[in-house]
Amino acid sequence: MQEALGYCLRCDKKVRVRRAGMGERVNFFLTLATLGLWLWIWVLITIVTRWRCSECEGRAACIDANEYDYLRGAVLLFYLLPWVIWSIYQLGWRLLGH
């Protein structure tokens, strides 16, 4: 269960919000351990799970800055950048007729 500071739409005030899921460190470790395969599951979990108000269980928006947001970007860049560079290289190689 993850907790953060958020804004409840039903209570119309700042509250603690929760959502199901594992911590960022566990997801980051699993991403490294599976050589990036877990990243796609992590992204799906993040998109699907919703923040809920801790007082009324209504829909809420997380407004707390997540200290691990930069890790998501770094992991994504680490795994996608080589693929993009390789694709551009291959496309250029084919366009030159080699």
Protein backbone atom coordinates (compact mmCIF):
# COMPACT_ATOMS: atom_id res chain seq x y z
CA MET A 1 0.00 0.00 0.00
CA GLN A 2 1.37 3.41 -0.97
CA GLU A 3 0.46 6.59 0.89
CA ALA A 4 0.96 10.22 -0.02
CA LEU A 5 -0.54 13.67 0.40
CA GLY A 6 -3.42 14.30 -1.95
CA TYR A 7 -6.67 16.10 -2.64
CA CYS A 8 -9.99 14.29 -2.24
CA LEU A 9 -12.63 15.23 -4.78
CA ARG A 10 -15.48 14.12 -2.52
CA CYS A 11 -14.20 15.67 0.76
CA ASP A 12 -12.98 18.74 -1.15
CA LYS A 13 -9.84 19.06 0.97
CA LYS A 14 -6.24 17.90 1.33
CA VAL A 15 -6.03 14.42 2.85
CA ARG A 16 -3.78 11.38 3.00
CA VAL A 17 -4.38 9.24 -0.07
CA ARG A 18 -3.66 5.54 -0.64
CA ARG A 19 -3.38 3.11 -3.48
CA ALA A 20 -2.62 -0.56 -3.76
CA GLY A 21 0.75 -1.58 -5.05
CA MET A 22 4.32 -2.22 -4.13
CA GLY A 23 6.82 0.43 -3.18
CA GLU A 24 8.98 2.19 -5.74
CA ARG A 25 12.16 0.53 -4.50
CA VAL A 26 10.71 -2.97 -4.96
CA ASN A 27 9.56 -2.13 -8.49
CA PHE A 28 12.93 -0.59 -9.35
CA PHE A 29 14.77 -3.67 -8.06
CA LEU A 30 12.48 -5.99 -10.02
CA THR A 31 13.05 -3.90 -13.16
CA LEU A 32 16.81 -4.26 -12.79
CA ALA A 33 16.63 -7.94 -11.83
CA THR A 34 14.51 -8.83 -14.88
CA LEU A 35 16.59 -6.67 -17.24
CA GLY A 36 13.72 -4.31 -17.92
CA LEU A 37 10.88 -6.78 -18.39
CA TRP A 38 9.23 -5.70 -15.12
CA LEU A 39 9.19 -2.06 -16.30
CA TRP A 40 6.17 -2.65 -18.51
CA ILE A 41 4.25 -4.31 -15.67
CA TRP A 42 5.24 -1.43 -13.37
CA VAL A 43 3.91 1.11 -15.87
CA LEU A 44 0.62 -0.82 -16.20
CA ILE A 45 0.22 -1.06 -12.42
CA THR A 46 0.87 2.67 -12.07
CA ILE A 47 -1.71 3.53 -14.73
CA VAL A 48 -4.42 1.13 -13.51
CA THR A 49 -4.28 1.72 -9.75
CA ARG A 50 -6.14 4.80 -8.52
CA TRP A 51 -5.47 7.01 -5.53
CA ARG A 52 -8.23 6.84 -2.88
CA CYS A 53 -9.00 9.14 0.04
CA SER A 54 -8.01 7.66 3.41
CA GLU A 55 -11.12 9.18 5.03
CA CYS A 56 -14.00 8.48 2.63
CA GLU A 57 -12.41 6.08 0.06
CA GLY A 58 -13.47 8.46 -2.71
CA ARG A 59 -11.37 9.26 -5.77
CA ALA A 60 -8.42 11.46 -5.02
CA ALA A 61 -5.49 13.06 -6.78
CA CYS A 62 -1.96 12.66 -5.47
CA ILE A 63 -0.22 16.01 -5.04
CA ASP A 64 2.76 14.78 -3.04
CA ALA A 65 6.02 14.87 -4.97
CA ASN A 66 7.31 11.36 -5.36
CA GLU A 67 11.01 11.16 -4.59
CA TYR A 68 11.44 8.24 -7.01
CA ASP A 69 9.88 9.81 -10.12
CA TYR A 70 13.32 10.49 -11.54
CA LEU A 71 14.06 6.74 -11.35
CA ARG A 72 11.19 5.94 -13.70
CA GLY A 73 12.57 8.33 -16.27
CA ALA A 74 16.10 7.03 -15.84
CA VAL A 75 15.05 3.39 -16.20
CA LEU A 76 12.92 4.18 -19.23
CA LEU A 77 15.76 6.14 -20.83
CA PHE A 78 18.27 3.40 -19.99
CA TYR A 79 16.22 0.73 -21.74
CA LEU A 80 14.73 2.69 -24.64
CA LEU A 81 17.66 4.86 -25.74
CA PRO A 82 19.84 2.01 -27.07
CA TRP A 83 16.87 0.63 -29.02
CA VAL A 84 16.13 4.05 -30.56
CA ILE A 85 19.80 4.58 -31.49
CA TRP A 86 20.01 1.09 -33.01
CA SER A 87 16.79 1.64 -35.00
CA ILE A 88 18.03 4.96 -36.39
CA TYR A 89 21.36 3.36 -37.29
CA GLN A 90 19.64 0.46 -39.09
CA LEU A 91 17.29 2.79 -40.95
CA GLY A 92 20.18 4.94 -42.10
CA TRP A 93 22.15 1.89 -43.14
CA ARG A 94 19.22 0.64 -45.26
CA LEU A 95 18.61 4.05 -46.82
CA LEU A 96 22.25 4.13 -47.94
CA GLY A 97 21.73 0.81 -49.72
CA HIS A 98 24.02 -1.36 -47.63
